[in-house]
Amino acid sequence: MTSHDAEESTREAVAALRTSVQRLQAAQGDTLGVRRLVSDVDRLAADLDELGPPAPGHPRGPAREDLEEIPDTPYDESMWADAEHEGFGAPDRRAP
């Protein structure tokens, strides 16, 4: 998704949100909560208008990491024989 596509998608979402808030205002009247929502939607639209171009050298997005595949086969339980269980301490000692 390009920056332009993301911005256009966001504008459409803000327009849909504005429509929903207007329906809510028609259903509930001019309450404090509704006025705050109207103000918030106006602020989102204004912030989107002031967005400007992406920062120079800004990476396009997070690099995809290779997924580490974890096998479903049973593991060697002897690896954990002397391990301490978090919160309980070692099996041969008493808790304080």
N, C-alpha and C. Protein backbone atom coordinates (compact mmCIF):
# COMPACT_ATOMS: atom_id res chain seq x y z
N MET A 1 0.85 -1.17 0.00
CA MET A 1 0.00 0.00 0.00
C MET A 1 0.90 1.24 0.00
N THR A 2 0.65 2.12 -0.93
CA THR A 2 1.44 3.34 -1.00
C THR A 2 0.93 4.35 0.02
N SER A 3 1.72 5.39 0.21
CA SER A 3 1.34 6.45 1.14
C SER A 3 0.04 7.12 0.70
N HIS A 4 -0.10 7.30 -0.60
CA HIS A 4 -1.32 7.92 -1.13
C HIS A 4 -2.54 7.03 -0.86
N ASP A 5 -2.36 5.72 -1.07
CA ASP A 5 -3.46 4.78 -0.81
C ASP A 5 -3.85 4.79 0.66
N ALA A 6 -2.85 4.82 1.54
CA ALA A 6 -3.13 4.83 2.98
C ALA A 6 -3.86 6.11 3.37
N GLU A 7 -3.44 7.23 2.80
CA GLU A 7 -4.09 8.51 3.12
C GLU A 7 -5.53 8.51 2.61
N GLU A 8 -5.74 8.00 1.41
CA GLU A 8 -7.09 7.96 0.84
C GLU A 8 -7.99 7.04 1.67
N SER A 9 -7.45 5.92 2.09
CA SER A 9 -8.21 4.98 2.93
C SER A 9 -8.58 5.63 4.26
N THR A 10 -7.66 6.40 4.82
CA THR A 10 -7.92 7.09 6.08
C THR A 10 -8.99 8.16 5.90
N ARG A 11 -8.93 8.88 4.79
CA ARG A 11 -9.96 9.90 4.52
C ARG A 11 -11.35 9.26 4.41
N GLU A 12 -11.41 8.11 3.75
CA GLU A 12 -12.69 7.41 3.63
C GLU A 12 -13.20 6.96 5.00
N ALA A 13 -12.28 6.50 5.85
CA ALA A 13 -12.67 6.06 7.20
C ALA A 13 -13.17 7.24 8.03
N VAL A 14 -12.52 8.39 7.91
CA VAL A 14 -12.96 9.59 8.65
C VAL A 14 -14.32 10.04 8.13
N ALA A 15 -14.54 9.97 6.82
CA ALA A 15 -15.84 10.34 6.26
C ALA A 15 -16.93 9.39 6.77
N ALA A 16 -16.64 8.10 6.83
CA ALA A 16 -17.61 7.13 7.35
C ALA A 16 -17.87 7.39 8.83
N LEU A 17 -16.83 7.73 9.56
CA LEU A 17 -17.00 8.04 10.98
C LEU A 17 -17.85 9.29 11.16
N ARG A 18 -17.62 10.29 10.33
CA ARG A 18 -18.42 11.52 10.40
C ARG A 18 -19.91 11.21 10.16
N THR A 19 -20.19 10.36 9.18
CA THR A 19 -21.57 9.97 8.89
C THR A 19 -22.19 9.25 10.08
N SER A 20 -21.43 8.35 10.69
CA SER A 20 -21.94 7.61 11.86
C SER A 20 -22.21 8.53 13.03
N VAL A 21 -21.32 9.48 13.26
CA VAL A 21 -21.50 10.42 14.37
C VAL A 21 -22.71 11.32 14.10
N GLN A 22 -22.93 11.71 12.84
CA GLN A 22 -24.11 12.52 12.52
C GLN A 22 -25.40 11.74 12.77
N ARG A 23 -25.39 10.44 12.46
CA ARG A 23 -26.56 9.60 12.76
C ARG A 23 -26.78 9.50 14.26
N LEU A 24 -25.69 9.36 14.99
CA LEU A 24 -25.77 9.29 16.44
C LEU A 24 -26.31 10.60 17.01
N GLN A 25 -25.87 11.72 16.44
CA GLN A 25 -26.34 13.03 16.89
C GLN A 25 -27.84 13.18 16.62
N ALA A 26 -28.30 12.66 15.49
CA ALA A 26 -29.73 12.73 15.18
C ALA A 26 -30.54 11.86 16.14
N ALA A 27 -29.96 10.75 16.56
CA ALA A 27 -30.67 9.83 17.46
C ALA A 27 -30.63 10.28 18.91
N GLN A 28 -29.51 10.85 19.36
CA GLN A 28 -29.36 11.19 20.78
C GLN A 28 -29.48 12.67 21.08
N GLY A 29 -29.46 13.49 20.08
CA GLY A 29 -29.55 14.93 20.32
C GLY A 29 -28.18 15.54 20.54
N ASP A 30 -28.20 16.80 20.92
CA ASP A 30 -26.96 17.57 21.07
C ASP A 30 -26.44 17.46 22.50
N THR A 31 -25.99 16.27 22.88
CA THR A 31 -25.46 16.07 24.23
C THR A 31 -23.97 16.39 24.25
N LEU A 32 -23.43 16.49 25.45
CA LEU A 32 -22.00 16.79 25.59
C LEU A 32 -21.15 15.71 24.92
N GLY A 33 -21.50 14.46 25.13
CA GLY A 33 -20.74 13.37 24.52
C GLY A 33 -20.75 13.41 23.01
N VAL A 34 -21.91 13.72 22.44
CA VAL A 34 -22.01 13.80 20.98
C VAL A 34 -21.22 14.99 20.47
N ARG A 35 -21.29 16.11 21.17
CA ARG A 35 -20.51 17.28 20.74
C ARG A 35 -19.02 16.99 20.77
N ARG A 36 -18.58 16.23 21.77
CA ARG A 36 -17.17 15.86 21.85
C ARG A 36 -16.78 14.96 20.68
N LEU A 37 -17.66 14.02 20.32
CA LEU A 37 -17.38 13.16 19.17
C LEU A 37 -17.30 13.96 17.88
N VAL A 38 -18.21 14.91 17.70
CA VAL A 38 -18.18 15.77 16.51
C VAL A 38 -16.86 16.53 16.46
N SER A 39 -16.45 17.06 17.60
CA SER A 39 -15.19 17.79 17.67
C SER A 39 -14.00 16.89 17.36
N ASP A 40 -14.04 15.66 17.88
CA ASP A 40 -12.95 14.71 17.61
C ASP A 40 -12.85 14.37 16.13
N VAL A 41 -13.99 14.17 15.48
CA VAL A 41 -13.98 13.85 14.05
C VAL A 41 -13.46 15.05 13.26
N ASP A 42 -13.87 16.25 13.64
CA ASP A 42 -13.35 17.45 12.97
C ASP A 42 -11.84 17.55 13.14
N ARG A 43 -11.36 17.21 14.32
CA ARG A 43 -9.91 17.27 14.58
C ARG A 43 -9.17 16.24 13.73
N LEU A 44 -9.72 15.04 13.62
CA LEU A 44 -9.10 14.02 12.77
C LEU A 44 -9.00 14.50 11.32
N ALA A 45 -10.08 15.09 10.82
CA ALA A 45 -10.08 15.58 9.44
C ALA A 45 -9.06 16.70 9.26
N ALA A 46 -8.98 17.62 10.23
CA ALA A 46 -8.01 18.72 10.14
C ALA A 46 -6.58 18.19 10.20
N ASP A 47 -6.33 17.24 11.09
CA ASP A 47 -4.99 16.66 11.19
C ASP A 47 -4.61 15.95 9.90
N LEU A 48 -5.55 15.29 9.28
CA LEU A 48 -5.28 14.60 8.03
C LEU A 48 -4.98 15.60 6.91
N ASP A 49 -5.67 16.74 6.92
CA ASP A 49 -5.40 17.78 5.92
C ASP A 49 -4.01 18.38 6.10
N GLU A 50 -3.51 18.41 7.32
CA GLU A 50 -2.19 19.00 7.61
C GLU A 50 -1.08 17.96 7.58
N LEU A 51 -1.36 16.76 7.17
CA LEU A 51 -0.41 15.67 7.26
C LEU A 51 0.87 15.92 6.48
N GLY A 52 0.77 16.33 5.26
CA GLY A 52 1.96 16.58 4.46
C GLY A 52 2.60 15.30 3.97
N PRO A 53 3.75 15.44 3.28
CA PRO A 53 4.42 14.25 2.72
C PRO A 53 5.15 13.46 3.81
N PRO A 54 5.50 12.21 3.53
CA PRO A 54 6.25 11.42 4.50
C PRO A 54 7.63 12.03 4.75
N ALA A 55 8.18 11.75 5.90
CA ALA A 55 9.51 12.26 6.24
C ALA A 55 10.55 11.65 5.30
N PRO A 56 11.55 12.45 4.89
CA PRO A 56 12.59 11.91 4.00
C PRO A 56 13.35 10.79 4.70
N GLY A 57 13.61 9.75 3.96
CA GLY A 57 14.37 8.63 4.50
C GLY A 57 13.57 7.73 5.44
N HIS A 58 12.28 8.02 5.58
CA HIS A 58 11.45 7.19 6.46
C HIS A 58 11.24 5.84 5.80
N PRO A 59 11.48 4.76 6.53
CA PRO A 59 11.27 3.45 5.92
C PRO A 59 9.80 3.24 5.56
N ARG A 60 9.56 2.48 4.54
CA ARG A 60 8.20 2.25 4.06
C ARG A 60 7.35 1.47 5.04
N GLY A 61 7.94 0.71 5.88
CA GLY A 61 7.21 -0.10 6.84
C GLY A 61 8.16 -1.08 7.50
N PRO A 62 7.67 -1.81 8.45
CA PRO A 62 8.57 -2.75 9.12
C PRO A 62 9.04 -3.84 8.15
N ALA A 63 10.29 -4.20 8.29
CA ALA A 63 10.83 -5.27 7.46
C ALA A 63 10.21 -6.59 7.89
N ARG A 64 9.91 -7.39 6.93
CA ARG A 64 9.34 -8.71 7.26
C ARG A 64 10.44 -9.58 7.83
N GLU A 65 10.16 -10.15 8.96
CA GLU A 65 11.12 -11.05 9.58
C GLU A 65 10.79 -12.47 9.17
N ASP A 66 11.83 -13.27 9.07
CA ASP A 66 11.60 -14.68 8.78
C ASP A 66 10.97 -15.32 10.00
N LEU A 67 9.97 -16.13 9.77
CA LEU A 67 9.31 -16.81 10.88
C LEU A 67 10.13 -18.01 11.31
N GLU A 68 10.24 -18.17 12.59
CA GLU A 68 10.93 -19.33 13.16
C GLU A 68 9.90 -20.44 13.33
N GLU A 69 10.12 -21.54 12.67
CA GLU A 69 9.17 -22.64 12.75
C GLU A 69 9.50 -23.49 13.97
N ILE A 70 8.50 -23.72 14.79
CA ILE A 70 8.67 -24.52 15.99
C ILE A 70 8.02 -25.87 15.73
N PRO A 71 8.80 -26.94 15.84
CA PRO A 71 8.24 -28.26 15.52
C PRO A 71 7.24 -28.72 16.57
N ASP A 72 6.32 -29.57 16.15
CA ASP A 72 5.32 -30.12 17.06
C ASP A 72 5.81 -31.38 17.77
N THR A 73 6.99 -31.82 17.44
CA THR A 73 7.51 -33.03 18.07
C THR A 73 7.82 -32.77 19.53
N PRO A 74 7.71 -33.79 20.38
CA PRO A 74 8.00 -33.61 21.80
C PRO A 74 9.46 -33.21 22.01
N TYR A 75 9.72 -32.42 23.03
CA TYR A 75 11.08 -32.00 23.33
C TYR A 75 11.65 -32.88 24.43
N ASP A 76 12.93 -32.75 24.64
CA ASP A 76 13.63 -33.53 25.66
C ASP A 76 13.34 -32.93 27.03
N GLU A 77 12.52 -33.59 27.84
CA GLU A 77 12.15 -33.06 29.15
C GLU A 77 13.32 -33.01 30.12
N SER A 78 14.39 -33.74 29.84
CA SER A 78 15.54 -33.69 30.74
C SER A 78 16.22 -32.32 30.70
N MET A 79 15.94 -31.52 29.66
CA MET A 79 16.50 -30.17 29.61
C MET A 79 16.01 -29.33 30.78
N TRP A 80 14.84 -29.64 31.31
CA TRP A 80 14.22 -28.82 32.34
C TRP A 80 14.33 -29.46 33.73
N ALA A 81 15.09 -30.51 33.87
CA ALA A 81 15.15 -31.25 35.14
C ALA A 81 15.62 -30.39 36.31
N ASP A 82 16.60 -29.53 36.11
CA ASP A 82 17.12 -28.72 37.22
C ASP A 82 16.68 -27.26 37.14
N ALA A 83 15.69 -26.97 36.32
CA ALA A 83 15.22 -25.59 36.16
C ALA A 83 14.31 -25.20 37.31
N GLU A 84 14.36 -23.93 37.67
CA GLU A 84 13.48 -23.41 38.71
C GLU A 84 12.20 -22.91 38.07
N HIS A 85 11.10 -23.18 38.72
CA HIS A 85 9.82 -22.71 38.23
C HIS A 85 9.61 -21.30 38.77
N GLU A 86 9.32 -20.37 37.89
CA GLU A 86 9.16 -18.98 38.30
C GLU A 86 8.08 -18.87 39.37
N GLY A 87 8.45 -18.26 40.49
CA GLY A 87 7.50 -18.05 41.57
C GLY A 87 7.55 -19.12 42.64
N PHE A 88 8.08 -20.29 42.33
CA PHE A 88 8.12 -21.37 43.32
C PHE A 88 9.53 -21.67 43.80
N GLY A 89 10.54 -21.26 43.06
CA GLY A 89 11.90 -21.57 43.45
C GLY A 89 12.28 -22.98 43.04
N ALA A 90 13.42 -23.41 43.53
CA ALA A 90 13.90 -24.75 43.19
C ALA A 90 13.11 -25.79 43.97
N PRO A 91 12.94 -26.99 43.43
CA PRO A 91 12.14 -28.00 44.10
C PRO A 91 12.75 -28.50 45.41
N ASP A 92 14.06 -28.34 45.59
CA ASP A 92 14.69 -28.85 46.81
C ASP A 92 14.83 -27.78 47.90
N ARG A 93 14.25 -26.59 47.70
CA ARG A 93 14.32 -25.52 48.71
C ARG A 93 12.93 -25.09 49.09
N ARG A 94 12.82 -24.51 50.28
CA ARG A 94 11.53 -24.00 50.73
C ARG A 94 11.42 -22.51 50.39
N ALA A 95 10.24 -22.08 50.14
CA ALA A 95 10.01 -20.66 49.86
C ALA A 95 10.22 -19.87 51.15
N PRO A 96 10.67 -18.62 51.06
CA PRO A 96 10.90 -17.82 52.28
C PRO A 96 9.62 -17.55 53.05
